[in-house]
């Protein structure tokens, strides 16, 4: 899925571990954002989940309106996982969220608006 230039695209990093069904809902809520899907990308950073997280993400990826990338590494803990996701995010604006945050439809719009009002 094409993305606009890095300055206008928001990267959303979702750190996860062993919560495939919760993550499925989180990704669905991100798909329902009012911000156009071409304006953001979602990166799932998986901390070596032993459940069916990899298969679930692979199954939903083709159906998401936004670009979705999946990263996986051996279990190293939440801090390591969050940092891996942030490192993979190409761009200046990254929103880090947990896998159990179910976003309101205007979350990404509001986040961008706040940064526009307060760029520092």
C-alpha atoms as a PDB file:
ATOM      1  CA  UNK A   1       0.000   0.000   0.000  1.00  0.00           C
ATOM      2  CA  UNK A   2       1.549   3.336  -0.989  1.00  0.00           C
ATOM      3  CA  UNK A   3       2.524   5.831   1.669  1.00  0.00           C
ATOM      4  CA  UNK A   4       2.914   9.590   1.370  1.00  0.00           C
ATOM      5  CA  UNK A   5       6.271  11.146   2.161  1.00  0.00           C
ATOM      6  CA  UNK A   6       7.741  10.484   5.608  1.00  0.00           C
ATOM      7  CA  UNK A   7       6.793  13.925   6.926  1.00  0.00           C
ATOM      8  CA  UNK A   8       3.068  13.260   6.550  1.00  0.00           C
ATOM      9  CA  UNK A   9       2.984   9.605   7.570  1.00  0.00           C
ATOM     10  CA  UNK A  10       2.503   8.479  11.119  1.00  0.00           C
ATOM     11  CA  UNK A  11       4.045   5.218  12.285  1.00  0.00           C
ATOM     12  CA  UNK A  12       2.118   3.262  14.897  1.00  0.00           C
ATOM     13  CA  UNK A  13       4.172   0.671  16.771  1.00  0.00           C
ATOM     14  CA  UNK A  14       2.151  -1.985  18.593  1.00  0.00           C
ATOM     15  CA  UNK A  15       4.230  -4.105  20.950  1.00  0.00           C
ATOM     16  CA  UNK A  16       2.700  -7.504  21.671  1.00  0.00           C
ATOM     17  CA  UNK A  17       3.245 -10.766  23.491  1.00  0.00           C
ATOM     18  CA  UNK A  18       0.864 -13.713  23.605  1.00  0.00           C
ATOM     19  CA  UNK A  19      -2.352 -11.790  22.932  1.00  0.00           C
ATOM     20  CA  UNK A  20      -3.374 -12.771  19.409  1.00  0.00           C
ATOM     21  CA  UNK A  21      -7.101 -12.161  19.852  1.00  0.00           C
ATOM     22  CA  UNK A  22      -6.642  -8.891  21.726  1.00  0.00           C
ATOM     23  CA  UNK A  23      -4.200  -7.768  19.031  1.00  0.00           C
ATOM     24  CA  UNK A  24      -6.728  -8.700  16.327  1.00  0.00           C
ATOM     25  CA  UNK A  25      -9.203  -6.217  17.845  1.00  0.00           C
ATOM     26  CA  UNK A  26      -6.492  -3.558  18.228  1.00  0.00           C
ATOM     27  CA  UNK A  27      -5.615  -3.875  14.530  1.00  0.00           C
ATOM     28  CA  UNK A  28      -9.301  -3.720  13.590  1.00  0.00           C
ATOM     29  CA  UNK A  29      -9.726  -0.532  15.611  1.00  0.00           C
ATOM     30  CA  UNK A  30      -6.752   0.972  13.811  1.00  0.00           C
ATOM     31  CA  UNK A  31      -8.410   0.006  10.509  1.00  0.00           C
ATOM     32  CA  UNK A  32     -11.434   2.085  11.587  1.00  0.00           C
ATOM     33  CA  UNK A  33      -9.440   5.297  12.015  1.00  0.00           C
ATOM     34  CA  UNK A  34     -10.782   8.408  10.322  1.00  0.00           C
ATOM     35  CA  UNK A  35      -7.251   9.340   9.292  1.00  0.00           C
ATOM     36  CA  UNK A  36      -6.834   8.063   5.721  1.00  0.00           C
ATOM     37  CA  UNK A  37      -5.033   4.716   5.691  1.00  0.00           C
ATOM     38  CA  UNK A  38      -2.391   6.073   3.305  1.00  0.00           C
ATOM     39  CA  UNK A  39      -1.328   8.482   6.061  1.00  0.00           C
ATOM     40  CA  UNK A  40      -0.203   5.837   8.540  1.00  0.00           C
ATOM     41  CA  UNK A  41       1.579   2.533   8.855  1.00  0.00           C
ATOM     42  CA  UNK A  42       1.298  -0.035  11.636  1.00  0.00           C
ATOM     43  CA  UNK A  43       4.269  -2.061  12.829  1.00  0.00           C
ATOM     44  CA  UNK A  44       3.538  -5.028  15.082  1.00  0.00           C
ATOM     45  CA  UNK A  45       6.584  -5.887  17.200  1.00  0.00           C
ATOM     46  CA  UNK A  46       6.130  -9.404  18.587  1.00  0.00           C
ATOM     47  CA  UNK A  47       8.184 -10.459  21.606  1.00  0.00           C
ATOM     48  CA  UNK A  48       8.309 -14.121  20.531  1.00  0.00           C
ATOM     49  CA  UNK A  49       4.664 -14.952  21.246  1.00  0.00           C
ATOM     50  CA  UNK A  50       4.143 -18.712  21.680  1.00  0.00           C
ATOM     51  CA  UNK A  51       0.498 -18.473  20.541  1.00  0.00           C
ATOM     52  CA  UNK A  52      -0.867 -18.001  17.031  1.00  0.00           C
ATOM     53  CA  UNK A  53       0.052 -14.305  16.794  1.00  0.00           C
ATOM     54  CA  UNK A  54       2.223 -14.776  13.661  1.00  0.00           C
ATOM     55  CA  UNK A  55      -0.547 -16.662  11.833  1.00  0.00           C
ATOM     56  CA  UNK A  56      -3.234 -14.203  12.911  1.00  0.00           C
ATOM     57  CA  UNK A  57      -1.213 -11.193  11.708  1.00  0.00           C
ATOM     58  CA  UNK A  58      -0.466 -12.949   8.404  1.00  0.00           C
ATOM     59  CA  UNK A  59      -4.174 -13.673   7.959  1.00  0.00           C
ATOM     60  CA  UNK A  60      -5.368 -10.104   8.600  1.00  0.00           C
ATOM     61  CA  UNK A  61      -2.579  -8.232   6.792  1.00  0.00           C
ATOM     62  CA  UNK A  62      -4.114  -8.447   3.285  1.00  0.00           C
ATOM     63  CA  UNK A  63      -7.411  -7.099   4.627  1.00  0.00           C
ATOM     64  CA  UNK A  64      -6.049  -4.032   6.390  1.00  0.00           C
ATOM     65  CA  UNK A  65      -6.477  -0.672   4.657  1.00  0.00           C
ATOM     66  CA  UNK A  66      -3.138   0.541   6.048  1.00  0.00           C
ATOM     67  CA  UNK A  67       0.380  -0.762   5.500  1.00  0.00           C
ATOM     68  CA  UNK A  68       1.070  -3.417   8.144  1.00  0.00           C
ATOM     69  CA  UNK A  69       4.517  -4.790   8.962  1.00  0.00           C
ATOM     70  CA  UNK A  70       5.229  -7.646  11.350  1.00  0.00           C
ATOM     71  CA  UNK A  71       8.482  -8.063  13.276  1.00  0.00           C
ATOM     72  CA  UNK A  72       9.282 -10.978  15.546  1.00  0.00           C
ATOM     73  CA  UNK A  73      12.226 -11.772  17.791  1.00  0.00           C
ATOM     74  CA  UNK A  74      12.953 -14.186  20.614  1.00  0.00           C
ATOM     75  CA  UNK A  75      11.385 -13.204  23.927  1.00  0.00           C
ATOM     76  CA  UNK A  76      13.392 -10.309  25.373  1.00  0.00           C
ATOM     77  CA  UNK A  77      10.793  -8.309  27.301  1.00  0.00           C
ATOM     78  CA  UNK A  78       8.604  -5.281  26.626  1.00  0.00           C
ATOM     79  CA  UNK A  79      11.328  -2.615  26.555  1.00  0.00           C
ATOM     80  CA  UNK A  80      13.374  -4.482  23.976  1.00  0.00           C
ATOM     81  CA  UNK A  81      10.257  -5.153  21.888  1.00  0.00           C
ATOM     82  CA  UNK A  82       9.133  -1.526  21.949  1.00  0.00           C
ATOM     83  CA  UNK A  83      12.613  -0.346  20.951  1.00  0.00           C
ATOM     84  CA  UNK A  84      12.769  -2.841  18.067  1.00  0.00           C
ATOM     85  CA  UNK A  85       9.471  -1.495  16.773  1.00  0.00           C
ATOM     86  CA  UNK A  86      10.618   2.109  17.101  1.00  0.00           C
ATOM     87  CA  UNK A  87      13.877   1.303  15.274  1.00  0.00           C
ATOM     88  CA  UNK A  88      11.876  -0.256  12.422  1.00  0.00           C
ATOM     89  CA  UNK A  89       9.614   2.782  12.108  1.00  0.00           C
ATOM     90  CA  UNK A  90      10.873   4.928   9.231  1.00  0.00           C
ATOM     91  CA  UNK A  91       9.835   8.496   9.887  1.00  0.00           C
ATOM     92  CA  UNK A  92       9.897  11.256  12.467  1.00  0.00           C
ATOM     93  CA  UNK A  93       6.545  10.706  14.134  1.00  0.00           C
ATOM     94  CA  UNK A  94       5.939   7.422  15.971  1.00  0.00           C
ATOM     95  CA  UNK A  95       3.079   6.477  18.262  1.00  0.00           C
ATOM     96  CA  UNK A  96       3.969   3.590  20.573  1.00  0.00           C
ATOM     97  CA  UNK A  97       1.031   1.656  21.950  1.00  0.00           C
ATOM     98  CA  UNK A  98       0.358  -1.604  23.748  1.00  0.00           C
ATOM     99  CA  UNK A  99      -1.566  -4.437  22.135  1.00  0.00           C
ATOM    100  CA  UNK A 100      -4.584  -3.864  24.381  1.00  0.00           C
ATOM    101  CA  UNK A 101      -5.204  -0.212  23.489  1.00  0.00           C
ATOM    102  CA  UNK A 102      -8.444  -0.006  21.537  1.00  0.00           C
ATOM    103  CA  UNK A 103      -8.321   3.310  19.748  1.00  0.00           C
ATOM    104  CA  UNK A 104     -11.225   5.666  19.267  1.00  0.00           C
ATOM    105  CA  UNK A 105     -11.789   6.422  15.561  1.00  0.00           C
ATOM    106  CA  UNK A 106     -10.172   9.868  15.880  1.00  0.00           C
ATOM    107  CA  UNK A 107      -7.091   8.846  17.886  1.00  0.00           C
ATOM    108  CA  UNK A 108      -4.567   9.240  15.064  1.00  0.00           C
ATOM    109  CA  UNK A 109      -6.153  12.486  13.814  1.00  0.00           C
ATOM    110  CA  UNK A 110      -5.986  13.924  17.327  1.00  0.00           C
ATOM    111  CA  UNK A 111      -2.390  12.805  17.795  1.00  0.00           C
ATOM    112  CA  UNK A 112      -1.339  14.489  14.534  1.00  0.00           C
ATOM    113  CA  UNK A 113      -3.303  17.625  15.411  1.00  0.00           C
ATOM    114  CA  UNK A 114      -1.563  17.863  18.770  1.00  0.00           C
ATOM    115  CA  UNK A 115       1.843  17.602  17.080  1.00  0.00           C
ATOM    116  CA  UNK A 116       0.814  20.263  14.550  1.00  0.00           C
ATOM    117  CA  UNK A 117      -0.182  22.614  17.382  1.00  0.00           C
ATOM    118  CA  UNK A 118       2.937  21.829  19.424  1.00  0.00           C
ATOM    119  CA  UNK A 119       5.722  20.860  17.002  1.00  0.00           C
ATOM    120  CA  UNK A 120       8.490  21.198  19.580  1.00  0.00           C
END
